[in-house]
C-alpha atoms as a PDB file:
ATOM      1  CA  UNK A   1     -24.721   9.934  35.328  1.00  0.00           C
ATOM      2  CA  UNK A   2     -21.652   8.459  36.982  1.00  0.00           C
ATOM      3  CA  UNK A   3     -22.281   6.947  40.397  1.00  0.00           C
ATOM      4  CA  UNK A   4     -18.672   5.866  40.944  1.00  0.00           C
ATOM      5  CA  UNK A   5     -16.302   7.604  43.301  1.00  0.00           C
ATOM      6  CA  UNK A   6     -12.823   8.221  41.944  1.00  0.00           C
ATOM      7  CA  UNK A   7     -11.648   7.063  38.551  1.00  0.00           C
ATOM      8  CA  UNK A   8     -12.858   4.367  36.187  1.00  0.00           C
ATOM      9  CA  UNK A   9      -9.539   2.656  36.918  1.00  0.00           C
ATOM     10  CA  UNK A  10     -10.383   2.494  40.636  1.00  0.00           C
ATOM     11  CA  UNK A  11     -14.029   1.532  40.016  1.00  0.00           C
ATOM     12  CA  UNK A  12     -12.870  -1.391  37.872  1.00  0.00           C
ATOM     13  CA  UNK A  13     -10.541  -2.680  40.552  1.00  0.00           C
ATOM     14  CA  UNK A  14      -7.251  -1.331  39.240  1.00  0.00           C
ATOM     15  CA  UNK A  15      -4.581  -3.137  37.272  1.00  0.00           C
ATOM     16  CA  UNK A  16      -5.627  -6.749  38.000  1.00  0.00           C
ATOM     17  CA  UNK A  17      -9.153  -6.334  36.624  1.00  0.00           C
ATOM     18  CA  UNK A  18      -8.121  -4.040  33.778  1.00  0.00           C
ATOM     19  CA  UNK A  19      -5.517  -6.647  32.762  1.00  0.00           C
ATOM     20  CA  UNK A  20      -8.259  -9.307  32.716  1.00  0.00           C
ATOM     21  CA  UNK A  21     -10.381  -7.074  30.487  1.00  0.00           C
ATOM     22  CA  UNK A  22      -7.531  -6.375  28.061  1.00  0.00           C
ATOM     23  CA  UNK A  23      -6.530 -10.049  27.964  1.00  0.00           C
ATOM     24  CA  UNK A  24     -10.168 -11.020  27.263  1.00  0.00           C
ATOM     25  CA  UNK A  25     -10.455  -8.273  24.632  1.00  0.00           C
ATOM     26  CA  UNK A  26      -7.611  -9.132  22.264  1.00  0.00           C
ATOM     27  CA  UNK A  27      -8.624 -12.713  21.408  1.00  0.00           C
ATOM     28  CA  UNK A  28     -11.991 -11.263  20.391  1.00  0.00           C
ATOM     29  CA  UNK A  29     -10.243  -8.610  18.281  1.00  0.00           C
ATOM     30  CA  UNK A  30      -7.978 -11.169  16.629  1.00  0.00           C
ATOM     31  CA  UNK A  31     -10.957 -13.409  15.817  1.00  0.00           C
ATOM     32  CA  UNK A  32     -13.024 -10.564  14.386  1.00  0.00           C
ATOM     33  CA  UNK A  33     -13.024 -10.747  10.564  1.00  0.00           C
ATOM     34  CA  UNK A  34     -13.045  -6.963  10.071  1.00  0.00           C
ATOM     35  CA  UNK A  35     -10.508  -5.739  12.618  1.00  0.00           C
ATOM     36  CA  UNK A  36      -8.434  -8.847  13.314  1.00  0.00           C
ATOM     37  CA  UNK A  37      -6.339  -8.421  10.146  1.00  0.00           C
ATOM     38  CA  UNK A  38      -5.270  -4.924  11.299  1.00  0.00           C
ATOM     39  CA  UNK A  39      -3.364  -6.387  14.255  1.00  0.00           C
ATOM     40  CA  UNK A  40      -0.031  -8.228  14.285  1.00  0.00           C
ATOM     41  CA  UNK A  41       0.101 -11.964  14.835  1.00  0.00           C
ATOM     42  CA  UNK A  42       2.209 -11.455  17.973  1.00  0.00           C
ATOM     43  CA  UNK A  43      -0.328  -9.483  19.958  1.00  0.00           C
ATOM     44  CA  UNK A  44       1.589  -9.456  23.267  1.00  0.00           C
ATOM     45  CA  UNK A  45       3.273  -6.044  22.810  1.00  0.00           C
ATOM     46  CA  UNK A  46      -0.087  -4.555  21.758  1.00  0.00           C
ATOM     47  CA  UNK A  47      -1.751  -6.018  24.858  1.00  0.00           C
ATOM     48  CA  UNK A  48       0.854  -4.459  27.147  1.00  0.00           C
ATOM     49  CA  UNK A  49       0.650  -1.038  25.476  1.00  0.00           C
ATOM     50  CA  UNK A  50      -3.152  -1.132  25.557  1.00  0.00           C
ATOM     51  CA  UNK A  51      -3.083  -2.000  29.254  1.00  0.00           C
ATOM     52  CA  UNK A  52      -0.801   0.965  29.959  1.00  0.00           C
ATOM     53  CA  UNK A  53      -2.842   3.298  27.767  1.00  0.00           C
ATOM     54  CA  UNK A  54      -6.193   2.320  29.297  1.00  0.00           C
ATOM     55  CA  UNK A  55      -4.702   2.560  32.790  1.00  0.00           C
ATOM     56  CA  UNK A  56      -3.819   6.182  32.068  1.00  0.00           C
ATOM     57  CA  UNK A  57      -7.004   6.924  30.077  1.00  0.00           C
ATOM     58  CA  UNK A  58      -9.172   5.608  32.912  1.00  0.00           C
ATOM     59  CA  UNK A  59      -7.426   7.694  35.571  1.00  0.00           C
ATOM     60  CA  UNK A  60      -4.708   5.360  36.828  1.00  0.00           C
ATOM     61  CA  UNK A  61      -0.959   5.959  36.797  1.00  0.00           C
ATOM     62  CA  UNK A  62       0.412   7.716  33.682  1.00  0.00           C
ATOM     63  CA  UNK A  63       2.932   4.970  32.935  1.00  0.00           C
ATOM     64  CA  UNK A  64       2.132   5.004  29.205  1.00  0.00           C
ATOM     65  CA  UNK A  65       3.212   8.639  28.868  1.00  0.00           C
ATOM     66  CA  UNK A  66       6.254   8.081  31.066  1.00  0.00           C
ATOM     67  CA  UNK A  67       7.441   5.263  28.780  1.00  0.00           C
ATOM     68  CA  UNK A  68       6.235   6.374  25.341  1.00  0.00           C
ATOM     69  CA  UNK A  69       5.444  10.090  25.570  1.00  0.00           C
ATOM     70  CA  UNK A  70       2.110  11.603  24.603  1.00  0.00           C
ATOM     71  CA  UNK A  71      -0.215   8.857  23.313  1.00  0.00           C
ATOM     72  CA  UNK A  72      -1.004  10.649  19.997  1.00  0.00           C
ATOM     73  CA  UNK A  73      -3.503   7.863  19.353  1.00  0.00           C
ATOM     74  CA  UNK A  74      -5.057   9.325  16.213  1.00  0.00           C
ATOM     75  CA  UNK A  75      -1.632   9.697  14.596  1.00  0.00           C
ATOM     76  CA  UNK A  76      -0.696   6.136  15.598  1.00  0.00           C
ATOM     77  CA  UNK A  77      -3.859   4.818  13.925  1.00  0.00           C
ATOM     78  CA  UNK A  78      -3.615   6.851  10.694  1.00  0.00           C
ATOM     79  CA  UNK A  79      -1.677   4.173   8.768  1.00  0.00           C
ATOM     80  CA  UNK A  80      -4.656   1.820   9.134  1.00  0.00           C
ATOM     81  CA  UNK A  81      -7.927   2.204   7.225  1.00  0.00           C
ATOM     82  CA  UNK A  82     -10.517   2.726   9.957  1.00  0.00           C
ATOM     83  CA  UNK A  83     -14.201   3.114   9.129  1.00  0.00           C
ATOM     84  CA  UNK A  84     -17.195   3.563  11.447  1.00  0.00           C
ATOM     85  CA  UNK A  85     -17.717  -0.208  11.108  1.00  0.00           C
ATOM     86  CA  UNK A  86     -14.196  -0.780  12.463  1.00  0.00           C
ATOM     87  CA  UNK A  87     -14.989   1.476  15.441  1.00  0.00           C
ATOM     88  CA  UNK A  88     -18.244  -0.422  16.056  1.00  0.00           C
ATOM     89  CA  UNK A  89     -16.407  -3.750  15.894  1.00  0.00           C
ATOM     90  CA  UNK A  90     -13.721  -2.560  18.323  1.00  0.00           C
ATOM     91  CA  UNK A  91     -16.350  -1.335  20.775  1.00  0.00           C
ATOM     92  CA  UNK A  92     -18.333  -4.587  20.504  1.00  0.00           C
ATOM     93  CA  UNK A  93     -15.191  -6.593  21.305  1.00  0.00           C
ATOM     94  CA  UNK A  94     -14.562  -4.392  24.342  1.00  0.00           C
ATOM     95  CA  UNK A  95     -18.153  -4.745  25.484  1.00  0.00           C
ATOM     96  CA  UNK A  96     -17.887  -8.545  25.195  1.00  0.00           C
ATOM     97  CA  UNK A  97     -14.605  -8.510  27.158  1.00  0.00           C
ATOM     98  CA  UNK A  98     -16.182  -6.443  29.944  1.00  0.00           C
ATOM     99  CA  UNK A  99     -19.063  -8.932  30.117  1.00  0.00           C
ATOM    100  CA  UNK A 100     -16.658 -11.896  30.129  1.00  0.00           C
ATOM    101  CA  UNK A 101     -14.808 -10.434  33.112  1.00  0.00           C
ATOM    102  CA  UNK A 102     -18.152  -9.770  34.846  1.00  0.00           C
ATOM    103  CA  UNK A 103     -17.691  -6.031  35.132  1.00  0.00           C
ATOM    104  CA  UNK A 104     -20.802  -4.404  36.589  1.00  0.00           C
ATOM    105  CA  UNK A 105     -23.263  -3.666  33.764  1.00  0.00           C
ATOM    106  CA  UNK A 106     -23.618   0.030  34.636  1.00  0.00           C
ATOM    107  CA  UNK A 107     -19.844   0.486  34.835  1.00  0.00           C
ATOM    108  CA  UNK A 108     -19.426  -1.428  31.561  1.00  0.00           C
ATOM    109  CA  UNK A 109     -21.865   0.880  29.821  1.00  0.00           C
ATOM    110  CA  UNK A 110     -20.084   3.923  31.256  1.00  0.00           C
ATOM    111  CA  UNK A 111     -16.746   2.559  29.977  1.00  0.00           C
ATOM    112  CA  UNK A 112     -18.140   1.913  26.494  1.00  0.00           C
ATOM    113  CA  UNK A 113     -19.538   5.443  26.362  1.00  0.00           C
ATOM    114  CA  UNK A 114     -16.163   6.808  27.502  1.00  0.00           C
ATOM    115  CA  UNK A 115     -14.411   4.817  24.734  1.00  0.00           C
ATOM    116  CA  UNK A 116     -16.945   5.670  22.007  1.00  0.00           C
ATOM    117  CA  UNK A 117     -15.484   9.148  21.389  1.00  0.00           C
ATOM    118  CA  UNK A 118     -11.903   7.965  20.907  1.00  0.00           C
ATOM    119  CA  UNK A 119     -13.012   4.970  18.808  1.00  0.00           C
ATOM    120  CA  UNK A 120     -14.788   7.252  16.335  1.00  0.00           C
ATOM    121  CA  UNK A 121     -12.006   9.847  16.505  1.00  0.00           C
ATOM    122  CA  UNK A 122      -9.741   7.249  14.819  1.00  0.00           C
ATOM    123  CA  UNK A 123     -12.081   6.874  11.842  1.00  0.00           C
ATOM    124  CA  UNK A 124     -10.191   8.001   8.732  1.00  0.00           C
ATOM    125  CA  UNK A 125     -12.194   6.360   5.931  1.00  0.00           C
ATOM    126  CA  UNK A 126     -15.875   6.748   4.966  1.00  0.00           C
END
């Protein structure tokens, strides 16, 4: 059960802490042998879009939608072969990033559970 008042975005500490998490996350993604090859070498635009998306997804300002329209995340991921193992890898990288940034363990677990649904929603291969 959630013990946090307000949004995940607020509980995390807003944009500064979420940026730290996203910036800790992508080096782990790029280094991961299964999911790293799915991402471009120049990861900077992906980092910025992910920051905006997670800001909105976690209850912060809807800047992503203002700039890019509806996220349509499943459609955006369809060109890439994504299996349950890819989803697991993505979630493990996020969990490691949350730990690296010293996000409270209970909040980290809540975030991972919140991201689990979308991560598996992108699965398009057995």
